[in-house]
Amino acid sequence: MGNDIGDNNHFNPVADIISDFFELNNALDLEASGKYDEAAEAFEQMLRNDPEDSIGAALHLAAIGKRDVPSSMPEAHILSLFGQMSGTYDQRLLENLKYAIPEKVGERFAALGLGPFKRMLDLGCGTGLCCEVLKEQVTHKTGLDLSAEMLEKAREKELYDVLHEEEITRFLKANRTEPWDLVVSTDVIPYNGTLDEMFSHIAGSMTPDGIFLFSNEVQPEENFNGQSYLMGKHCRYAHSLDYIQRLLKQNNLELLDRTEMIIRLEHGNPITGQLVIARKMGAE
C-alpha cells in the first residue's frame, strides 16, 4: 500500500506505516467490540493488501470463526512480531506478562534429577531465557530462531556455542550434526498448528534416552470437538491433550513429567498451559 506526495508520486514510508497502524487498530477495535462481520471485512482487506500476512490477519479471522484455522502461522507474521518485540522481549515477558516457564523449567529439572547434558538444541531460543536456566548443566549449546533480531539479543548474552537463523523443521531436515541429548522448545508450539512433522524430526535428531522439553497452551478438551488444535482468542494455537499424547507415542517419546500451570498473562488474564518433559526411548 503506497502513498503519494504532491505530483512526484514518491512513496512515503512513514505515512504508509501510520495507515497500516490505523487499519489494524480499527480492525482490532471491531473485533474487541464483537462486530465480527465488520472486523472480518477489515482483516480480509489487509490480507489482500499483504498476501504474506505480516499482520496475522488470517489468524484473527480464524479466531473469530470467519476462516478455517491455518495449519501454521505465516512466517512473515512471526518475523514481524518478534522483530518488533526483540528490544524489550525479556522485560515484556518476565515483568509485564509474568512468563513463568524458565523458572518452572529449573524447578522440574532439579526435582527430576535431570542432567548433566552434552549437547542441547534450543528450538525457538529467542533471547535465551531457558538457556540461562540450563546453561550450567550443558556442555555445548545450540540456539535456533527464525528472527535475526532475537538471535542478536541471545548473542549479546554469550550463552550459546552456535546460533542458527532458520525455521525449525527446515533446519532439522537439513541437519547432519551428531544428535542432541537435550532438545528444548518453550513458547514455540503455540505459534505452530500441525506438529506431526516437527515432532518426527525432533525425535529423529535425539540420542536414545535424550530429553525433550516443551511447553504448549491448552483449553478444555471439549473445545476441540475432535480437532488436534484450535486458534485461541489471542491468536496463538492451543493443542488438545489427546493430540500431544499421540505425538509422543508415535515418536517413541515416553512422558516423564507434565506440569499444568499459568504460563503467562495476556491483558491481565491468565493463560493456561503445560510444561512437558519426555524421554526418547532406546531401540527395543
Protein backbone atom coordinates (compact mmCIF):
# COMPACT_ATOMS: atom_id res chain seq x y z
CA MET A 1 0.00 0.00 0.00
CA GLY A 2 1.66 3.26 -1.09
CA ASN A 3 1.02 6.95 -0.51
CA ASP A 4 1.66 9.77 -2.97
CA ILE A 5 3.20 13.15 -2.15
CA GLY A 6 2.21 16.01 -4.44
CA ASP A 7 2.97 15.48 -8.11
CA ASN A 8 6.19 13.48 -7.58
CA ASN A 9 4.42 10.18 -6.83
CA HIS A 10 7.01 9.39 -4.13
CA PHE A 11 6.43 6.55 -1.69
CA ASN A 12 6.15 7.84 1.87
CA PRO A 13 7.05 5.01 4.30
CA VAL A 14 6.04 6.98 7.39
CA ALA A 15 2.56 7.65 6.02
CA ASP A 16 2.32 4.01 4.98
CA ILE A 17 3.14 2.77 8.49
CA ILE A 18 0.60 5.16 10.00
CA SER A 19 -2.03 3.94 7.54
CA ASP A 20 -1.31 0.27 8.35
CA PHE A 21 -1.39 1.04 12.08
CA PHE A 22 -4.76 2.79 11.78
CA GLU A 23 -6.28 -0.04 9.75
CA LEU A 24 -5.06 -2.69 12.19
CA ASN A 25 -6.28 -0.78 15.24
CA ASN A 26 -9.65 -0.25 13.57
CA ALA A 27 -9.98 -3.99 12.87
CA LEU A 28 -8.91 -4.87 16.41
CA ASP A 29 -11.43 -2.43 17.87
CA LEU A 30 -14.20 -4.00 15.78
CA GLU A 31 -13.10 -7.47 16.91
CA ALA A 32 -12.97 -6.43 20.58
CA SER A 33 -16.48 -4.94 20.38
CA GLY A 34 -17.91 -8.14 18.89
CA LYS A 35 -18.57 -6.66 15.44
CA TYR A 36 -17.15 -9.74 13.79
CA ASP A 37 -18.59 -9.22 10.29
CA GLU A 38 -17.09 -5.73 10.07
CA ALA A 39 -13.83 -6.91 11.63
CA ALA A 40 -13.65 -9.75 9.11
CA GLU A 41 -14.07 -7.28 6.25
CA ALA A 42 -11.21 -5.19 7.57
CA PHE A 43 -8.91 -8.19 8.11
CA GLU A 44 -9.73 -9.58 4.65
CA GLN A 45 -8.80 -6.21 3.12
CA MET A 46 -5.48 -6.22 4.98
CA LEU A 47 -4.83 -9.73 3.72
CA ARG A 48 -5.47 -8.64 0.14
CA ASN A 49 -3.02 -5.77 0.59
CA ASP A 50 -0.42 -8.00 2.25
CA PRO A 51 -0.62 -11.58 0.90
CA GLU A 52 2.36 -12.66 3.04
CA ASP A 53 0.25 -11.64 6.05
CA SER A 54 2.84 -9.92 8.24
CA ILE A 55 -0.01 -8.63 10.42
CA GLY A 56 -1.51 -12.07 11.01
CA ALA A 57 -4.93 -11.18 9.61
CA ALA A 58 -5.70 -14.82 8.79
CA LEU A 59 -5.15 -15.73 12.43
CA HIS A 60 -7.63 -13.10 13.60
CA LEU A 61 -10.16 -14.34 11.03
CA ALA A 62 -9.75 -17.88 12.39
CA ALA A 63 -10.02 -16.67 15.99
CA ILE A 64 -13.43 -15.08 15.29
CA GLY A 65 -14.65 -18.05 13.25
CA LYS A 66 -14.53 -16.35 9.86
CA ARG A 67 -11.89 -18.65 8.34
CA ASP A 68 -10.61 -22.15 8.91
CA VAL A 69 -7.70 -22.37 11.33
CA PRO A 70 -4.47 -22.37 9.28
CA SER A 71 -2.08 -25.27 9.83
CA SER A 72 0.75 -22.86 10.65
CA MET A 73 1.40 -19.18 11.23
CA PRO A 74 2.72 -17.08 8.33
CA GLU A 75 6.47 -16.71 8.66
CA ALA A 76 6.15 -13.03 7.74
CA HIS A 77 3.94 -12.51 10.79
CA ILE A 78 6.34 -14.29 13.15
CA LEU A 79 9.28 -12.28 11.80
CA SER A 80 7.36 -9.03 12.17
CA LEU A 81 6.05 -9.87 15.64
CA PHE A 82 9.33 -10.92 17.22
CA GLY A 83 11.40 -8.39 15.34
CA GLN A 84 9.29 -5.63 16.90
CA MET A 85 9.47 -7.18 20.39
CA SER A 86 13.16 -8.08 20.44
CA GLY A 87 14.36 -4.88 22.11
CA THR A 88 12.13 -5.27 25.17
CA TYR A 89 11.38 -9.00 24.97
CA ASP A 90 12.82 -10.11 28.31
CA GLN A 91 11.22 -7.28 30.26
CA ARG A 92 7.91 -7.71 28.46
CA LEU A 93 7.70 -11.44 29.11
CA LEU A 94 9.13 -11.67 32.61
CA GLU A 95 7.81 -8.46 34.17
CA ASN A 96 4.70 -7.48 32.22
CA LEU A 97 3.36 -10.90 31.17
CA LYS A 98 4.74 -12.80 34.20
CA TYR A 99 6.13 -15.51 31.92
CA ALA A 100 6.73 -18.42 34.26
CA ILE A 101 8.23 -21.15 32.05
CA PRO A 102 12.01 -20.58 32.60
CA GLU A 103 11.66 -20.67 36.39
CA LYS A 104 9.48 -23.78 36.20
CA VAL A 105 11.99 -25.49 33.89
CA GLY A 106 14.68 -25.07 36.54
CA GLU A 107 12.37 -26.38 39.25
CA ARG A 108 11.30 -29.50 37.34
CA PHE A 109 14.79 -30.43 36.17
CA ALA A 110 16.02 -30.20 39.75
CA ALA A 111 13.07 -32.21 41.09
CA LEU A 112 13.56 -34.97 38.49
CA GLY A 113 17.35 -35.00 38.83
CA LEU A 114 17.88 -34.46 35.09
CA GLY A 115 21.30 -33.70 33.64
CA PRO A 116 24.07 -33.03 33.03
CA PHE A 117 23.82 -33.00 29.22
CA LYS A 118 26.42 -32.98 26.47
CA ARG A 119 24.51 -31.22 23.69
CA MET A 120 21.42 -29.02 23.85
CA LEU A 121 19.33 -27.77 20.94
CA ASP A 122 17.14 -24.80 21.91
CA LEU A 123 14.39 -24.51 19.30
CA GLY A 124 12.90 -21.02 19.01
CA CYS A 125 15.51 -19.90 21.51
CA GLY A 126 14.55 -16.22 21.40
CA THR A 127 16.83 -14.24 23.67
CA GLY A 128 17.90 -17.35 25.59
CA LEU A 129 15.66 -17.23 28.66
CA CYS A 130 15.61 -21.01 29.13
CA CYS A 131 19.27 -21.37 28.26
CA GLU A 132 20.07 -19.03 31.14
CA VAL A 133 18.42 -21.54 33.49
CA LEU A 134 20.05 -24.65 31.99
CA LYS A 135 23.47 -23.37 30.92
CA GLU A 136 25.40 -24.89 33.84
CA GLN A 137 24.05 -28.35 33.04
CA VAL A 138 25.01 -28.41 29.34
CA THR A 139 28.44 -28.66 27.72
CA HIS A 140 27.54 -27.50 24.20
CA LYS A 141 24.54 -25.27 23.44
CA THR A 142 22.96 -24.64 20.02
CA GLY A 143 20.25 -22.00 19.61
CA LEU A 144 17.84 -21.76 16.69
CA ASP A 145 15.37 -18.99 15.86
CA LEU A 146 13.63 -17.53 12.84
CA SER A 147 14.18 -13.93 13.99
CA ALA A 148 17.58 -12.32 13.41
CA GLU A 149 16.73 -9.61 15.95
CA MET A 150 16.04 -12.17 18.68
CA LEU A 151 19.23 -14.05 17.85
CA GLU A 152 21.21 -10.82 18.18
CA LYS A 153 19.89 -10.39 21.73
CA ALA A 154 20.85 -14.01 22.51
CA ARG A 155 24.30 -13.42 21.02
CA GLU A 156 24.83 -10.44 23.33
CA LYS A 157 24.31 -12.72 26.35
CA GLU A 158 27.08 -15.10 25.16
CA LEU A 159 25.02 -18.15 26.15
CA TYR A 160 25.29 -20.35 23.07
CA ASP A 161 28.18 -22.01 21.30
CA VAL A 162 26.31 -21.90 17.96
CA LEU A 163 23.32 -19.89 16.74
CA HIS A 164 21.28 -20.60 13.59
CA GLU A 165 18.71 -18.39 11.87
CA GLU A 166 16.18 -20.82 10.37
CA GLU A 167 12.71 -22.32 10.63
CA ILE A 168 12.65 -25.39 12.89
CA THR A 169 11.55 -28.16 10.52
CA ARG A 170 13.72 -26.94 7.64
CA PHE A 171 16.72 -26.86 9.96
CA LEU A 172 16.10 -30.34 11.36
CA LYS A 173 15.57 -31.81 7.88
CA ALA A 174 18.93 -30.46 6.70
CA ASN A 175 20.87 -31.13 9.92
CA ARG A 176 23.78 -33.55 9.65
CA THR A 177 25.45 -32.98 13.03
CA GLU A 178 25.54 -35.52 15.84
CA PRO A 179 22.28 -35.97 17.78
CA TRP A 180 21.30 -33.95 20.84
CA ASP A 181 20.63 -35.38 24.28
CA LEU A 182 18.50 -32.35 25.25
CA VAL A 183 16.03 -30.58 22.98
CA VAL A 184 14.15 -27.58 24.37
CA SER A 185 11.16 -25.88 22.75
CA THR A 186 9.44 -23.42 25.09
CA ASP A 187 6.80 -20.91 23.93
CA VAL A 188 7.20 -22.21 20.36
CA ILE A 189 4.37 -24.72 19.91
CA PRO A 190 1.69 -22.01 20.44
CA TYR A 191 2.94 -20.49 17.17
CA ASN A 192 2.50 -23.77 15.24
CA GLY A 193 -0.65 -25.68 14.39
CA THR A 194 0.19 -29.07 12.90
CA LEU A 195 3.08 -30.60 14.86
CA ASP A 196 3.48 -34.06 13.28
CA GLU A 197 6.46 -33.28 11.06
CA MET A 198 8.17 -31.17 13.70
CA PHE A 199 7.91 -33.87 16.40
CA SER A 200 9.10 -36.54 13.98
CA HIS A 201 12.24 -34.59 13.08
CA ILE A 202 12.90 -33.64 16.70
CA ALA A 203 12.75 -37.26 17.82
CA GLY A 204 14.94 -38.26 14.88
CA SER A 205 17.58 -35.73 15.97
CA MET A 206 17.83 -37.03 19.55
CA THR A 207 20.01 -39.62 21.23
CA PRO A 208 18.41 -42.65 22.90
CA ASP A 209 17.38 -41.58 26.42
CA GLY A 210 17.59 -37.93 25.34
CA ILE A 211 15.22 -35.42 26.92
CA PHE A 212 12.65 -33.35 25.02
CA LEU A 213 11.18 -30.41 26.92
CA PHE A 214 8.37 -28.27 25.52
CA SER A 215 5.51 -26.04 26.58
CA ASN A 216 2.11 -25.57 24.99
CA GLU A 217 -1.16 -23.77 25.64
CA VAL A 218 -4.27 -25.78 26.49
CA GLN A 219 -8.02 -25.35 26.60
CA PRO A 220 -10.78 -27.63 27.91
CA GLU A 221 -10.70 -30.80 25.82
CA GLU A 222 -14.35 -30.42 24.82
CA ASN A 223 -13.49 -27.17 22.99
CA PHE A 224 -11.55 -29.10 20.36
CA ASN A 225 -14.50 -31.15 19.05
CA GLY A 226 -12.11 -33.88 17.97
CA GLN A 227 -9.68 -31.44 16.32
CA SER A 228 -5.97 -31.54 17.13
CA TYR A 229 -5.64 -27.79 17.64
CA LEU A 230 -7.59 -24.56 17.61
CA MET A 231 -6.88 -20.85 17.41
CA GLY A 232 -7.21 -19.05 20.73
CA LYS A 233 -8.63 -15.55 21.01
CA HIS A 234 -5.08 -14.15 21.36
CA CYS A 235 -4.14 -15.67 18.01
CA ARG A 236 -1.96 -18.48 19.34
CA TYR A 237 -2.62 -22.17 18.93
CA ALA A 238 -3.84 -24.44 21.71
CA HIS A 239 -3.38 -28.19 21.26
CA SER A 240 -5.52 -30.99 22.62
CA LEU A 241 -4.03 -33.29 25.24
CA ASP A 242 -5.02 -36.27 23.09
CA TYR A 243 -3.02 -34.89 20.15
CA ILE A 244 0.08 -34.30 22.28
CA GLN A 245 -0.14 -37.80 23.74
CA ARG A 246 -0.47 -39.32 20.25
CA LEU A 247 2.57 -37.42 19.02
CA LEU A 248 4.66 -38.63 21.95
CA LYS A 249 3.64 -42.24 21.39
CA GLN A 250 4.16 -42.10 17.61
CA ASN A 251 7.69 -40.78 18.09
CA ASN A 252 8.81 -43.21 20.79
CA LEU A 253 8.82 -40.50 23.44
CA GLU A 254 7.97 -41.51 26.99
CA LEU A 255 6.21 -38.94 29.15
CA LEU A 256 8.27 -38.25 32.28
CA ASP A 257 6.56 -35.19 33.68
CA ARG A 258 3.69 -32.87 32.86
CA THR A 259 3.07 -29.71 34.84
CA GLU A 260 -0.14 -27.77 34.31
CA MET A 261 0.37 -24.10 35.09
CA ILE A 262 -0.39 -20.49 34.31
CA ILE A 263 2.32 -19.87 31.77
CA ARG A 264 1.76 -16.13 31.23
CA LEU A 265 -0.75 -13.30 31.41
CA GLU A 266 -2.47 -11.74 28.41
CA HIS A 267 -4.22 -8.40 29.01
CA GLY A 268 -4.09 -9.32 32.68
CA ASN A 269 -5.82 -12.66 32.14
CA PRO A 270 -4.09 -15.98 32.93
CA ILE A 271 -3.16 -18.26 30.01
CA THR A 272 -3.26 -21.93 30.92
CA GLY A 273 -0.63 -24.28 29.59
CA GLN A 274 1.63 -27.12 30.44
CA LEU A 275 5.32 -27.92 30.64
CA VAL A 276 6.05 -31.38 29.26
CA ILE A 277 9.23 -33.41 29.74
CA ALA A 278 9.64 -36.60 27.71
CA ARG A 279 12.43 -39.13 27.20
CA LYS A 280 13.29 -40.76 23.90
CA MET A 281 13.18 -44.47 24.49
CA GLY A 282 16.07 -46.58 23.21
CA ALA A 283 15.60 -49.17 20.48
CA GLU A 284 13.99 -52.35 21.77
